[in-house]
């Protein structure tokens, strides 16, 4: 498994429960100095949250990662 993928997921999954929420994503990006808007988060989740539960699992994250960078 790609270590950058797993490391990035772990960074975004602030509480370590295996799911990324919008609040976690927002906090992690702000901590990186890359603030995102509510609209940007909604767009990301619309693409990545394929089961529409309001969270991004590692499987969903990995699939979105690969769609964004198919190389």
N, C-alpha and C. Protein backbone atom coordinates (compact mmCIF):
# COMPACT_ATOMS: atom_id res chain seq x y z
N UNK A 1 0.85 -1.19 0.00
CA UNK A 1 0.00 0.00 0.00
C UNK A 1 0.89 1.24 0.00
N UNK A 2 0.48 2.23 -0.70
CA UNK A 2 1.21 3.48 -0.82
C UNK A 2 1.29 4.19 0.53
N UNK A 3 2.51 4.41 1.02
CA UNK A 3 2.66 5.03 2.34
C UNK A 3 2.17 6.47 2.36
N UNK A 4 2.29 7.19 1.25
CA UNK A 4 1.77 8.56 1.21
C UNK A 4 0.25 8.54 1.39
N UNK A 5 -0.40 7.59 0.76
CA UNK A 5 -1.85 7.44 0.89
C UNK A 5 -2.24 7.15 2.33
N UNK A 6 -1.61 6.18 2.94
CA UNK A 6 -1.97 5.81 4.32
C UNK A 6 -1.60 6.92 5.30
N UNK A 7 -0.46 7.57 5.08
CA UNK A 7 -0.05 8.67 5.97
C UNK A 7 -1.02 9.85 5.87
N UNK A 8 -1.44 10.17 4.65
CA UNK A 8 -2.37 11.28 4.46
C UNK A 8 -3.71 10.96 5.09
N UNK A 9 -4.19 9.73 4.92
CA UNK A 9 -5.46 9.35 5.54
C UNK A 9 -5.35 9.47 7.06
N UNK A 10 -4.26 8.98 7.63
CA UNK A 10 -4.07 9.04 9.08
C UNK A 10 -4.03 10.49 9.56
N UNK A 11 -3.42 11.36 8.78
CA UNK A 11 -3.36 12.78 9.16
C UNK A 11 -4.76 13.40 9.16
N UNK A 12 -5.57 13.03 8.19
CA UNK A 12 -6.92 13.59 8.09
C UNK A 12 -7.89 12.96 9.08
N UNK A 13 -7.66 11.71 9.45
CA UNK A 13 -8.51 10.99 10.41
C UNK A 13 -8.04 11.34 11.81
N UNK A 14 -8.36 12.55 12.24
CA UNK A 14 -7.83 13.12 13.47
C UNK A 14 -8.06 12.23 14.68
N UNK A 15 -9.25 11.65 14.82
CA UNK A 15 -9.53 10.84 16.01
C UNK A 15 -9.18 9.36 15.83
N UNK A 16 -8.69 8.99 14.67
CA UNK A 16 -8.20 7.63 14.44
C UNK A 16 -9.27 6.55 14.40
N UNK A 17 -10.51 6.93 14.06
CA UNK A 17 -11.58 5.94 14.04
C UNK A 17 -11.79 5.26 12.69
N UNK A 18 -10.92 5.58 11.72
CA UNK A 18 -11.04 4.95 10.41
C UNK A 18 -12.00 5.64 9.46
N UNK A 19 -12.47 6.82 9.86
CA UNK A 19 -13.39 7.61 9.04
C UNK A 19 -12.95 9.07 9.08
N UNK A 20 -13.09 9.77 7.98
CA UNK A 20 -12.81 11.20 7.95
C UNK A 20 -14.14 11.94 7.86
N UNK A 21 -14.38 12.83 8.81
CA UNK A 21 -15.58 13.66 8.77
C UNK A 21 -15.22 15.00 8.15
N UNK A 22 -16.23 15.76 7.80
CA UNK A 22 -15.98 17.09 7.27
C UNK A 22 -15.23 17.95 8.27
N UNK A 23 -15.58 17.85 9.54
CA UNK A 23 -14.90 18.64 10.57
C UNK A 23 -13.43 18.24 10.69
N UNK A 24 -13.16 16.95 10.64
CA UNK A 24 -11.77 16.48 10.70
C UNK A 24 -10.99 16.97 9.49
N UNK A 25 -11.59 16.88 8.32
CA UNK A 25 -10.92 17.33 7.10
C UNK A 25 -10.59 18.81 7.20
N UNK A 26 -11.57 19.59 7.63
CA UNK A 26 -11.38 21.03 7.78
C UNK A 26 -10.25 21.32 8.77
N UNK A 27 -10.26 20.67 9.93
CA UNK A 27 -9.24 20.92 10.95
C UNK A 27 -7.85 20.52 10.47
N UNK A 28 -7.75 19.38 9.80
CA UNK A 28 -6.45 18.90 9.33
C UNK A 28 -5.89 19.83 8.26
N UNK A 29 -6.74 20.29 7.36
CA UNK A 29 -6.27 21.19 6.31
C UNK A 29 -5.86 22.54 6.90
N UNK A 30 -6.60 23.03 7.87
CA UNK A 30 -6.24 24.30 8.52
C UNK A 30 -4.90 24.15 9.24
N UNK A 31 -4.69 22.99 9.88
CA UNK A 31 -3.42 22.74 10.57
C UNK A 31 -2.26 22.71 9.59
N UNK A 32 -2.52 22.31 8.36
CA UNK A 32 -1.50 22.30 7.31
C UNK A 32 -1.27 23.68 6.71
N UNK A 33 -2.10 24.64 7.12
CA UNK A 33 -2.02 25.96 6.53
C UNK A 33 -2.73 26.05 5.20
N UNK A 34 -3.65 25.12 4.97
CA UNK A 34 -4.41 25.07 3.72
C UNK A 34 -5.91 25.10 4.03
N UNK A 35 -6.41 26.24 4.49
CA UNK A 35 -7.83 26.29 4.83
C UNK A 35 -8.71 26.00 3.61
N UNK A 36 -9.81 25.32 3.85
CA UNK A 36 -10.76 25.00 2.78
C UNK A 36 -12.13 25.56 3.16
N UNK A 37 -12.91 25.90 2.17
CA UNK A 37 -14.25 26.41 2.41
C UNK A 37 -15.23 25.26 2.61
N UNK A 38 -16.37 25.58 3.15
CA UNK A 38 -17.44 24.60 3.30
C UNK A 38 -17.82 24.01 1.94
N UNK A 39 -17.85 24.86 0.93
CA UNK A 39 -18.21 24.41 -0.42
C UNK A 39 -17.18 23.42 -0.97
N UNK A 40 -15.89 23.69 -0.70
CA UNK A 40 -14.83 22.78 -1.15
C UNK A 40 -14.96 21.42 -0.45
N UNK A 41 -15.24 21.44 0.83
CA UNK A 41 -15.42 20.18 1.57
C UNK A 41 -16.62 19.43 1.03
N UNK A 42 -17.72 20.15 0.78
CA UNK A 42 -18.91 19.49 0.23
C UNK A 42 -18.61 18.85 -1.12
N UNK A 43 -17.84 19.52 -1.94
CA UNK A 43 -17.47 18.98 -3.25
C UNK A 43 -16.61 17.73 -3.11
N UNK A 44 -15.64 17.79 -2.22
CA UNK A 44 -14.76 16.63 -1.98
C UNK A 44 -15.57 15.45 -1.48
N UNK A 45 -16.46 15.70 -0.52
CA UNK A 45 -17.26 14.62 0.03
C UNK A 45 -18.26 14.09 -0.99
N UNK A 46 -18.79 14.94 -1.86
CA UNK A 46 -19.71 14.49 -2.90
C UNK A 46 -19.02 13.48 -3.81
N UNK A 47 -17.73 13.69 -4.04
CA UNK A 47 -16.97 12.77 -4.89
C UNK A 47 -16.53 11.53 -4.13
N UNK A 48 -16.00 11.71 -2.93
CA UNK A 48 -15.35 10.60 -2.23
C UNK A 48 -16.29 9.74 -1.39
N UNK A 49 -17.33 10.34 -0.81
CA UNK A 49 -18.23 9.60 0.09
C UNK A 49 -19.27 8.84 -0.73
N UNK A 50 -18.85 7.72 -1.29
CA UNK A 50 -19.71 7.01 -2.23
C UNK A 50 -20.90 6.31 -1.58
N UNK A 51 -20.84 6.04 -0.28
CA UNK A 51 -22.01 5.43 0.36
C UNK A 51 -22.89 6.47 1.05
N UNK A 52 -22.50 7.75 0.94
CA UNK A 52 -23.29 8.89 1.41
C UNK A 52 -23.63 8.83 2.90
N UNK A 53 -22.65 8.39 3.70
CA UNK A 53 -22.89 8.36 5.15
C UNK A 53 -22.31 9.58 5.87
N UNK A 54 -21.76 10.53 5.10
CA UNK A 54 -21.21 11.73 5.69
C UNK A 54 -19.78 11.59 6.17
N UNK A 55 -19.18 10.45 5.90
CA UNK A 55 -17.81 10.18 6.30
C UNK A 55 -17.08 9.53 5.14
N UNK A 56 -15.76 9.68 5.13
CA UNK A 56 -14.95 9.03 4.10
C UNK A 56 -14.14 7.93 4.77
N UNK A 57 -14.39 6.69 4.37
CA UNK A 57 -13.63 5.55 4.88
C UNK A 57 -12.30 5.47 4.14
N UNK A 58 -11.42 4.62 4.63
CA UNK A 58 -10.14 4.46 3.94
C UNK A 58 -10.35 3.95 2.51
N UNK A 59 -11.27 3.03 2.33
CA UNK A 59 -11.55 2.48 1.00
C UNK A 59 -12.02 3.59 0.06
N UNK A 60 -12.95 4.43 0.54
CA UNK A 60 -13.44 5.54 -0.28
C UNK A 60 -12.31 6.54 -0.56
N UNK A 61 -11.49 6.80 0.45
CA UNK A 61 -10.37 7.73 0.31
C UNK A 61 -9.39 7.21 -0.74
N UNK A 62 -9.06 5.94 -0.66
CA UNK A 62 -8.11 5.35 -1.61
C UNK A 62 -8.66 5.41 -3.04
N UNK A 63 -9.94 5.15 -3.21
CA UNK A 63 -10.53 5.20 -4.55
C UNK A 63 -10.51 6.62 -5.09
N UNK A 64 -10.83 7.61 -4.25
CA UNK A 64 -10.81 9.01 -4.69
C UNK A 64 -9.38 9.44 -5.00
N UNK A 65 -8.44 8.98 -4.19
CA UNK A 65 -7.01 9.30 -4.40
C UNK A 65 -6.57 8.79 -5.77
N UNK A 66 -6.96 7.57 -6.09
CA UNK A 66 -6.57 6.98 -7.37
C UNK A 66 -7.24 7.66 -8.54
N UNK A 67 -8.49 8.09 -8.36
CA UNK A 67 -9.17 8.84 -9.44
C UNK A 67 -8.47 10.17 -9.69
N UNK A 68 -8.00 10.80 -8.62
CA UNK A 68 -7.34 12.10 -8.74
C UNK A 68 -5.94 11.99 -9.34
N UNK A 69 -5.29 10.84 -9.10
CA UNK A 69 -3.91 10.64 -9.58
C UNK A 69 -3.77 9.21 -10.10
N UNK A 70 -4.30 8.94 -11.30
CA UNK A 70 -4.32 7.56 -11.81
C UNK A 70 -2.97 6.97 -12.16
N UNK A 71 -1.92 7.76 -12.13
CA UNK A 71 -0.58 7.25 -12.52
C UNK A 71 0.02 6.31 -11.51
